[in-house]
């Protein structure tokens, strides 16, 4: 997490970082997202995950990849498509 944070100027909010698995499951049930989260489906994690993922990110690699992406347009496109949900 520190390597990822190092390359980003905006703060990253991680509201679940202090919770354990059971607490996260309870939170998901409380906001009605648990049932959909356990449905089997092929998502990008399954389709594009490497066979041997790196577990210790190298800051130089992260910075190089970040330099290749149009970060601001991605952020603004995501914000334009965002939906506000009150829970």
Protein backbone atom coordinates (compact mmCIF):
# COMPACT_ATOMS: atom_id res chain seq x y z
CA UNK A 1 0.00 0.00 0.00
CA UNK A 2 2.84 2.41 0.71
CA UNK A 3 4.29 1.97 -2.79
CA UNK A 4 0.94 2.70 -4.38
CA UNK A 5 0.38 5.72 -2.12
CA UNK A 6 3.87 7.03 -2.95
CA UNK A 7 2.99 7.62 -6.60
CA UNK A 8 -0.33 9.37 -5.94
CA UNK A 9 -0.81 13.00 -5.01
CA UNK A 10 -4.40 12.67 -3.80
CA UNK A 11 -5.18 10.87 -0.54
CA UNK A 12 -6.45 7.32 -0.76
CA UNK A 13 -9.26 6.56 1.65
CA UNK A 14 -9.25 2.97 2.89
CA UNK A 15 -12.25 2.69 5.18
CA UNK A 16 -11.97 -1.11 5.54
CA UNK A 17 -8.24 -1.36 6.20
CA UNK A 18 -8.70 -1.69 9.96
CA UNK A 19 -11.45 -4.29 9.75
CA UNK A 20 -11.02 -8.06 9.66
CA UNK A 21 -12.81 -10.33 7.19
CA UNK A 22 -15.82 -11.00 9.41
CA UNK A 23 -16.31 -7.28 10.10
CA UNK A 24 -16.16 -6.52 6.38
CA UNK A 25 -18.74 -9.24 5.67
CA UNK A 26 -21.04 -7.77 8.35
CA UNK A 27 -20.60 -4.29 6.84
CA UNK A 28 -21.44 -5.66 3.37
CA UNK A 29 -24.58 -7.33 4.72
CA UNK A 30 -25.61 -4.10 6.45
CA UNK A 31 -25.40 -2.12 3.19
CA UNK A 32 -26.90 -4.94 1.07
CA UNK A 33 -23.82 -5.60 -1.09
CA UNK A 34 -22.90 -9.01 0.34
CA UNK A 35 -25.25 -11.17 -1.76
CA UNK A 36 -24.01 -9.77 -5.06
CA UNK A 37 -20.38 -9.97 -3.91
CA UNK A 38 -20.55 -13.75 -3.47
CA UNK A 39 -22.17 -14.49 -6.83
CA UNK A 40 -19.84 -16.48 -9.09
CA UNK A 41 -18.81 -14.56 -12.20
CA UNK A 42 -15.82 -14.02 -14.42
CA UNK A 43 -14.43 -10.61 -13.71
CA UNK A 44 -11.22 -8.93 -14.68
CA UNK A 45 -9.49 -10.32 -11.61
CA UNK A 46 -10.02 -13.84 -12.90
CA UNK A 47 -9.54 -13.09 -16.59
CA UNK A 48 -6.42 -10.92 -16.41
CA UNK A 49 -4.68 -11.97 -13.21
CA UNK A 50 -1.11 -13.18 -13.73
CA UNK A 51 -0.26 -16.76 -12.83
CA UNK A 52 2.46 -15.53 -10.46
CA UNK A 53 1.48 -12.05 -9.22
CA UNK A 54 4.08 -9.78 -7.67
CA UNK A 55 3.51 -9.22 -3.98
CA UNK A 56 6.15 -6.56 -3.38
CA UNK A 57 5.66 -3.68 -5.79
CA UNK A 58 8.70 -1.77 -6.98
CA UNK A 59 8.18 2.00 -6.91
CA UNK A 60 10.15 2.52 -10.17
CA UNK A 61 7.82 0.11 -12.01
CA UNK A 62 4.73 1.77 -10.56
CA UNK A 63 5.93 5.23 -11.56
CA UNK A 64 6.77 4.01 -15.08
CA UNK A 65 3.31 2.48 -15.53
CA UNK A 66 1.60 5.52 -14.08
CA UNK A 67 3.43 7.71 -16.57
CA UNK A 68 1.86 5.72 -19.41
CA UNK A 69 -1.74 6.28 -18.26
CA UNK A 70 -3.88 9.37 -18.82
CA UNK A 71 -4.64 9.60 -15.08
CA UNK A 72 -6.61 12.82 -15.01
CA UNK A 73 -8.93 11.89 -17.87
CA UNK A 74 -9.54 8.49 -16.25
CA UNK A 75 -10.41 10.15 -12.95
CA UNK A 76 -12.72 12.72 -14.51
CA UNK A 77 -14.43 10.10 -16.68
CA UNK A 78 -15.01 7.98 -13.57
CA UNK A 79 -16.37 10.98 -11.68
CA UNK A 80 -18.70 11.83 -14.56
CA UNK A 81 -20.04 8.25 -14.49
CA UNK A 82 -20.31 8.07 -10.69
CA UNK A 83 -23.61 7.51 -9.00
CA UNK A 84 -24.32 8.82 -5.50
CA UNK A 85 -25.90 6.24 -3.22
CA UNK A 86 -26.92 7.12 0.32
CA UNK A 87 -26.55 4.27 2.79
